[in-house]
Protein backbone atom coordinates (compact mmCIF):
# COMPACT_ATOMS: atom_id res chain seq x y z
CA MET A 1 174.36 102.53 16.33
CA ALA A 2 176.65 102.71 13.33
CA LEU A 3 175.30 101.87 9.89
CA ALA A 4 177.02 99.63 7.38
CA PRO A 5 177.41 101.20 3.90
CA LYS A 6 175.16 98.60 2.29
CA PHE A 7 172.35 99.76 4.60
CA ALA A 8 172.94 103.44 3.85
CA GLY A 9 169.47 103.83 2.41
CA GLN A 10 168.02 103.33 5.88
CA ALA A 11 169.45 106.70 6.87
CA TYR A 12 167.40 109.82 6.22
CA SER A 13 169.05 113.14 5.46
CA ALA A 14 166.88 115.99 4.26
CA ASN A 15 167.77 117.02 0.71
CA ILE A 16 170.93 114.91 0.79
CA SER A 17 171.37 111.55 -0.91
CA PRO A 18 172.29 108.71 1.44
CA LYS A 19 176.05 108.41 1.67
CA ALA A 20 177.79 105.08 2.08
CA ILE A 21 180.54 105.37 4.68
CA HIS A 22 182.18 102.91 7.04
CA THR A 23 182.14 103.70 10.76
CA ILE A 24 184.82 102.69 13.25
CA GLU A 25 183.82 103.21 16.87
CA LEU A 26 186.55 103.37 19.47
CA TYR A 27 185.46 102.63 23.05
CA LEU A 28 188.22 104.17 25.11
CA ASP A 29 188.78 105.07 28.76
CA TYR A 30 191.00 108.04 29.60
CA VAL A 31 192.66 106.23 32.51
CA CYS A 32 193.23 102.94 30.67
CA PRO A 33 196.87 102.51 29.52
CA PHE A 34 195.80 100.29 26.63
CA SER A 35 193.31 102.91 25.45
CA ALA A 36 196.08 105.49 25.58
CA LYS A 37 198.30 103.30 23.43
CA MET A 38 195.62 102.78 20.79
CA PHE A 39 194.66 106.45 20.74
CA SER A 40 198.27 107.59 20.36
CA THR A 41 198.88 105.31 17.38
CA LEU A 42 195.66 106.35 15.68
CA TYR A 43 195.89 110.06 16.38
CA ASN A 44 199.53 110.47 15.42
CA SER A 45 200.11 107.82 12.75
CA VAL A 46 196.77 106.97 11.12
CA LEU A 47 194.20 109.77 11.30
CA PRO A 48 196.46 112.40 9.67
CA HIS A 49 196.37 110.30 6.48
CA VAL A 50 192.73 109.17 6.51
CA SER A 51 191.36 112.15 4.56
CA THR A 52 193.84 111.58 1.72
CA LYS A 53 194.01 107.78 1.65
CA TYR A 54 190.35 107.00 2.33
CA PRO A 55 188.39 110.10 1.30
CA ALA A 56 184.66 109.85 2.06
CA LYS A 57 185.04 106.18 2.97
CA VAL A 58 185.40 105.97 6.74
CA ARG A 59 184.75 107.92 9.90
CA PHE A 60 186.03 107.33 13.41
CA LEU A 61 183.88 107.82 16.51
CA PHE A 62 185.42 108.23 19.96
CA ARG A 63 183.06 106.55 22.42
CA GLN A 64 183.84 107.56 26.00
CA GLN A 65 183.79 104.38 28.09
CA ILE A 66 183.74 105.00 31.85
CA GLN A 67 185.33 102.17 33.84
CA PRO A 68 183.81 102.44 37.34
CA TRP A 69 186.52 100.47 39.14
CA HIS A 70 188.72 103.54 38.58
CA PRO A 71 186.94 106.33 40.53
CA SER A 72 188.66 109.03 38.49
CA SER A 73 187.30 107.58 35.25
CA THR A 74 184.00 109.37 35.74
CA LEU A 75 185.75 112.66 36.50
CA VAL A 76 188.00 112.65 33.45
CA HIS A 77 185.16 111.70 31.14
CA GLU A 78 183.08 114.50 32.62
CA ALA A 79 185.89 116.80 31.51
CA GLY A 80 185.61 115.34 28.01
CA ALA A 81 181.88 116.03 28.09
CA ALA A 82 182.55 119.63 29.13
CA VAL A 83 184.90 120.10 26.19
CA LEU A 84 182.25 118.69 23.86
CA ARG A 85 179.82 121.28 25.21
CA LEU A 86 182.17 124.25 24.83
CA ALA A 87 184.33 123.47 21.80
CA PRO A 88 183.62 120.19 19.97
CA ASP A 89 186.53 120.80 17.60
CA LYS A 90 188.88 120.67 20.59
CA PHE A 91 187.69 117.25 21.78
CA TRP A 92 190.35 115.18 20.00
CA PRO A 93 193.24 117.54 20.92
CA PHE A 94 191.99 117.53 24.52
CA SER A 95 191.81 113.75 24.46
CA GLU A 96 195.40 113.61 23.25
CA ALA A 97 196.51 115.88 26.11
CA LEU A 98 194.54 113.90 28.68
CA PHE A 99 195.95 110.58 27.53
CA GLU A 100 199.45 112.03 27.70
CA HIS A 101 198.79 113.08 31.30
CA GLN A 102 196.63 110.11 32.29
CA LYS A 103 198.95 108.89 35.06
CA GLU A 104 198.29 112.13 36.92
CA PHE A 105 194.71 110.92 37.32
CA PHE A 106 195.42 107.31 38.31
CA ASP A 107 194.04 106.08 41.65
CA VAL A 108 197.19 106.69 43.71
CA ASN A 109 197.54 110.24 42.45
CA ILE A 110 194.03 111.40 43.31
CA VAL A 111 193.22 109.43 46.46
CA HIS A 112 193.84 112.41 48.76
CA GLU A 113 192.57 115.08 46.37
CA ALA A 114 189.21 116.81 46.70
CA ARG A 115 186.91 116.24 43.74
CA ASN A 116 186.72 119.91 42.73
CA ASP A 117 190.53 120.12 42.89
CA THR A 118 190.71 117.27 40.36
CA TYR A 119 188.27 119.21 38.19
CA LYS A 120 190.51 122.28 38.43
CA ARG A 121 193.45 120.28 37.11
CA LEU A 122 191.32 118.94 34.28
CA ALA A 123 190.12 122.45 33.45
CA LYS A 124 193.74 123.61 33.34
CA LEU A 125 194.56 120.77 30.95
CA ALA A 126 191.64 121.86 28.76
CA GLY A 127 193.08 125.35 28.85
CA SER A 128 196.31 124.01 27.35
CA VAL A 129 194.44 123.18 24.11
CA GLY A 130 192.68 126.50 23.83
CA LEU A 131 189.62 126.39 26.07
CA GLU A 132 188.82 128.88 28.81
CA GLU A 133 189.65 127.16 32.12
CA SER A 134 186.95 128.96 34.08
CA GLN A 135 184.24 127.88 31.64
CA VAL A 136 185.32 124.25 31.82
CA PHE A 137 185.45 124.32 35.62
CA GLU A 138 182.03 125.97 35.78
CA LEU A 139 180.55 122.93 34.02
CA LEU A 140 182.39 120.48 36.27
CA GLU A 141 182.21 122.03 39.73
CA ILE A 142 180.16 120.27 42.41
CA ALA A 143 178.33 122.59 44.79
CA ASP A 144 178.98 122.19 48.53
CA LYS A 145 175.41 123.13 49.45
CA PRO A 146 172.15 121.21 48.98
CA GLY A 147 170.30 121.76 45.73
CA GLU A 148 166.66 122.49 45.12
CA GLY A 149 164.41 120.60 47.50
CA GLY A 150 167.37 119.70 49.70
CA SER A 151 168.96 117.34 47.16
CA LEU A 152 172.46 116.21 48.13
CA ASN A 153 173.22 114.33 44.88
CA THR A 154 173.22 117.44 42.73
CA GLY A 155 175.77 116.36 40.13
CA ASN A 156 177.23 119.00 37.83
CA LYS A 157 176.29 120.60 34.53
CA VAL A 158 177.47 117.65 32.42
CA THR A 159 175.92 114.89 34.52
CA ASP A 160 173.03 114.40 32.09
CA ASP A 161 175.45 114.19 29.16
CA VAL A 162 177.43 111.47 30.92
CA LYS A 163 174.23 109.58 31.69
CA LEU A 164 173.41 109.48 27.98
CA MET A 165 176.91 108.22 27.12
CA VAL A 166 176.69 105.46 29.71
CA LYS A 167 173.19 104.46 28.58
CA ALA A 168 174.29 104.20 24.95
CA ASN A 169 177.38 102.17 25.81
CA ARG A 170 175.41 99.78 28.02
CA ARG A 171 173.03 99.06 25.16
CA VAL A 172 175.98 97.95 23.04
CA GLY A 173 177.35 95.85 25.89
CA VAL A 174 180.96 97.01 25.75
CA HIS A 175 183.05 96.07 28.79
CA VAL A 176 186.76 95.94 27.95
CA THR A 177 188.77 98.96 26.85
CA PRO A 178 189.77 99.48 24.22
CA THR A 179 187.00 97.88 22.15
CA VAL A 180 186.58 98.58 18.44
CA LEU A 181 183.34 98.27 16.50
CA PHE A 182 183.31 98.24 12.70
CA ASN A 183 179.93 99.14 11.22
CA GLY A 184 178.28 98.25 14.52
CA ILE A 185 179.97 94.84 14.96
CA GLU A 186 182.84 94.22 17.40
CA GLU A 187 186.12 93.84 15.49
CA GLY A 188 188.15 91.50 17.66
CA SER A 189 191.17 91.45 15.35
CA ILE A 190 192.11 95.03 16.27
CA SER A 191 194.00 95.48 19.52
CA SER A 192 195.91 98.18 21.37
CA SER A 193 199.14 96.65 20.09
CA PHE A 194 198.28 97.55 16.48
CA THR A 195 201.00 99.65 14.88
CA GLY A 196 200.31 102.40 12.40
CA GLN A 197 201.26 100.08 9.59
CA GLN A 198 198.89 97.37 10.83
CA TRP A 199 196.07 99.91 10.97
CA GLU A 200 196.77 100.97 7.39
CA GLU A 201 196.88 97.36 6.22
CA TRP A 202 193.55 96.67 7.94
CA LEU A 203 191.96 99.81 6.50
CA ASP A 204 193.23 99.02 2.99
CA LYS A 205 191.58 95.62 3.23
CA ASN A 206 188.27 96.65 4.80
CA VAL A 207 187.36 100.10 3.53
């Protein structure tokens, strides 16, 4: 959970004084159009100015929110988990690319596609932001043979990472995407329709 600045002393950092900082958590789904809209505004119009306008005052956390009624949601978020494994600094650029291409992974566009073929397209997209496609696909690929002990639900190499993400999100109780939490509390005034100017006005008031 995020920690409000006034409770900063509850955090322990070896040899470092507790640092008061606001936390904005963004619960976004890669195949949600409203999540794409919010991400685009933030990534292109707000975040580039955060370090200069609000130095050491606020951090943004991208919380990957899988929406199970879209079967591809799990697959695209697995790709995000693979990027986090291989090159954490590429996660936000990859997210931008994936949101820009999200329609390619909507239900109608993957219904006749084999799962590993979807992974190959996601690996190629990761390659467009500087990752090695083969390494991404290696983490995502599902084997076509039983695993140890005859297991047929073998998952892939990021399955455990995704389980942790889902567990954390369930504890918070987030359902709708996008959802924004400010210092651990849902901030209902922020919506996907927020413009860059509205974000700046909100940040000026609250951080």
